[in-house]
């Protein structure tokens, strides 16, 4: 799933984070929007992020060994829209 988190830091600034992770056991899949990969695979997207993401975006695997993780592939202006608008 693509998770979206917003919190305030100690100075009062807004910090937005996006991460691709597995669905937690307490989360209800019905609370999320659904995305579909070109091969037909489905994944979940936090509705707040889904409203800001472009219609098409990339996912890429980065890292080595236990540090492997999936990242969003977006243009700089798309990151701005997702995290700061």
C-alpha atoms as a PDB file:
ATOM      1  CA  UNK A   1       0.000   0.000   0.000  1.00  0.00           C
ATOM      2  CA  UNK A   2       0.997   3.619  -0.454  1.00  0.00           C
ATOM      3  CA  UNK A   3       0.762   5.266   2.967  1.00  0.00           C
ATOM      4  CA  UNK A   4       0.494   9.031   3.558  1.00  0.00           C
ATOM      5  CA  UNK A   5       1.330  10.618   6.894  1.00  0.00           C
ATOM      6  CA  UNK A   6       1.179  14.260   7.979  1.00  0.00           C
ATOM      7  CA  UNK A   7       2.444  15.489  11.348  1.00  0.00           C
ATOM      8  CA  UNK A   8       3.831  18.641  12.919  1.00  0.00           C
ATOM      9  CA  UNK A   9       7.436  18.915  14.031  1.00  0.00           C
ATOM     10  CA  UNK A  10       8.498  20.625  17.253  1.00  0.00           C
ATOM     11  CA  UNK A  11       8.857  23.996  15.471  1.00  0.00           C
ATOM     12  CA  UNK A  12       5.279  23.783  14.183  1.00  0.00           C
ATOM     13  CA  UNK A  13       6.248  22.915  10.605  1.00  0.00           C
ATOM     14  CA  UNK A  14       4.157  20.406   8.690  1.00  0.00           C
ATOM     15  CA  UNK A  15       5.984  17.213   7.716  1.00  0.00           C
ATOM     16  CA  UNK A  16       4.427  15.042   4.997  1.00  0.00           C
ATOM     17  CA  UNK A  17       5.718  11.543   4.368  1.00  0.00           C
ATOM     18  CA  UNK A  18       4.903   8.981   1.736  1.00  0.00           C
ATOM     19  CA  UNK A  19       5.988   5.362   1.917  1.00  0.00           C
ATOM     20  CA  UNK A  20       5.184   2.104   0.186  1.00  0.00           C
ATOM     21  CA  UNK A  21       4.606  -0.600   2.797  1.00  0.00           C
ATOM     22  CA  UNK A  22       2.541  -3.665   3.630  1.00  0.00           C
ATOM     23  CA  UNK A  23      -0.975  -3.243   4.985  1.00  0.00           C
ATOM     24  CA  UNK A  24      -1.057  -3.425   8.804  1.00  0.00           C
ATOM     25  CA  UNK A  25      -3.288  -6.017  10.436  1.00  0.00           C
ATOM     26  CA  UNK A  26      -5.619  -3.389  11.976  1.00  0.00           C
ATOM     27  CA  UNK A  27      -6.245  -1.552   8.694  1.00  0.00           C
ATOM     28  CA  UNK A  28      -9.385  -2.129   6.653  1.00  0.00           C
ATOM     29  CA  UNK A  29      -8.741  -2.393   2.886  1.00  0.00           C
ATOM     30  CA  UNK A  30     -12.131  -0.738   2.278  1.00  0.00           C
ATOM     31  CA  UNK A  31     -10.697   2.502   3.733  1.00  0.00           C
ATOM     32  CA  UNK A  32      -8.240   2.846   0.842  1.00  0.00           C
ATOM     33  CA  UNK A  33      -8.378   3.623  -2.874  1.00  0.00           C
ATOM     34  CA  UNK A  34      -7.253   0.902  -5.286  1.00  0.00           C
ATOM     35  CA  UNK A  35      -4.491   1.216  -7.869  1.00  0.00           C
ATOM     36  CA  UNK A  36      -3.845  -1.235 -10.685  1.00  0.00           C
ATOM     37  CA  UNK A  37      -0.466  -2.074 -12.223  1.00  0.00           C
ATOM     38  CA  UNK A  38      -0.048  -2.764 -15.950  1.00  0.00           C
ATOM     39  CA  UNK A  39       0.064  -6.511 -15.225  1.00  0.00           C
ATOM     40  CA  UNK A  40      -3.311  -6.303 -13.432  1.00  0.00           C
ATOM     41  CA  UNK A  41      -1.905  -6.475  -9.883  1.00  0.00           C
ATOM     42  CA  UNK A  42      -3.842  -4.348  -7.410  1.00  0.00           C
ATOM     43  CA  UNK A  43      -2.513  -2.289  -4.524  1.00  0.00           C
ATOM     44  CA  UNK A  44      -4.010   0.100  -1.966  1.00  0.00           C
ATOM     45  CA  UNK A  45      -3.471   3.850  -1.714  1.00  0.00           C
ATOM     46  CA  UNK A  46      -4.254   6.116   1.237  1.00  0.00           C
ATOM     47  CA  UNK A  47      -7.188   8.232   0.017  1.00  0.00           C
ATOM     48  CA  UNK A  48      -5.381  11.484   0.906  1.00  0.00           C
ATOM     49  CA  UNK A  49      -2.463  10.476  -1.338  1.00  0.00           C
ATOM     50  CA  UNK A  50      -4.771   9.135  -4.071  1.00  0.00           C
ATOM     51  CA  UNK A  51      -6.423  12.551  -4.362  1.00  0.00           C
ATOM     52  CA  UNK A  52      -2.999  14.161  -5.021  1.00  0.00           C
ATOM     53  CA  UNK A  53      -1.272  11.518  -7.163  1.00  0.00           C
ATOM     54  CA  UNK A  54      -1.247  11.785 -10.955  1.00  0.00           C
ATOM     55  CA  UNK A  55      -3.374   9.277 -12.881  1.00  0.00           C
ATOM     56  CA  UNK A  56      -0.202   7.419 -13.905  1.00  0.00           C
ATOM     57  CA  UNK A  57       2.984   7.062 -11.844  1.00  0.00           C
ATOM     58  CA  UNK A  58       5.837   4.607 -11.492  1.00  0.00           C
ATOM     59  CA  UNK A  59       6.923   2.265  -8.737  1.00  0.00           C
ATOM     60  CA  UNK A  60      10.537   1.154  -8.579  1.00  0.00           C
ATOM     61  CA  UNK A  61      12.527  -1.263  -6.415  1.00  0.00           C
ATOM     62  CA  UNK A  62      15.605   0.305  -4.786  1.00  0.00           C
ATOM     63  CA  UNK A  63      18.289  -0.846  -2.368  1.00  0.00           C
ATOM     64  CA  UNK A  64      20.270  -4.007  -1.728  1.00  0.00           C
ATOM     65  CA  UNK A  65      19.493  -7.018   0.469  1.00  0.00           C
ATOM     66  CA  UNK A  66      17.463  -6.180   3.563  1.00  0.00           C
ATOM     67  CA  UNK A  67      17.508  -2.509   2.531  1.00  0.00           C
ATOM     68  CA  UNK A  68      15.373  -3.171  -0.554  1.00  0.00           C
ATOM     69  CA  UNK A  69      12.226  -1.089  -0.693  1.00  0.00           C
ATOM     70  CA  UNK A  70       9.689   0.171  -3.223  1.00  0.00           C
ATOM     71  CA  UNK A  71       9.588   3.877  -4.038  1.00  0.00           C
ATOM     72  CA  UNK A  72       7.265   6.083  -6.037  1.00  0.00           C
ATOM     73  CA  UNK A  73       8.664   7.416  -9.291  1.00  0.00           C
ATOM     74  CA  UNK A  74       7.398  10.976  -9.758  1.00  0.00           C
ATOM     75  CA  UNK A  75       8.567  14.150 -11.495  1.00  0.00           C
ATOM     76  CA  UNK A  76       9.668  16.977  -9.149  1.00  0.00           C
ATOM     77  CA  UNK A  77       6.455  18.978  -9.656  1.00  0.00           C
ATOM     78  CA  UNK A  78       4.400  15.821  -8.929  1.00  0.00           C
ATOM     79  CA  UNK A  79       6.255  15.400  -5.601  1.00  0.00           C
ATOM     80  CA  UNK A  80       5.418  19.029  -4.819  1.00  0.00           C
ATOM     81  CA  UNK A  81       1.730  18.441  -5.486  1.00  0.00           C
ATOM     82  CA  UNK A  82       1.698  15.243  -3.445  1.00  0.00           C
ATOM     83  CA  UNK A  83       3.521  16.577  -0.401  1.00  0.00           C
ATOM     84  CA  UNK A  84       2.931  20.323  -0.261  1.00  0.00           C
ATOM     85  CA  UNK A  85      -0.322  21.389  -1.961  1.00  0.00           C
END
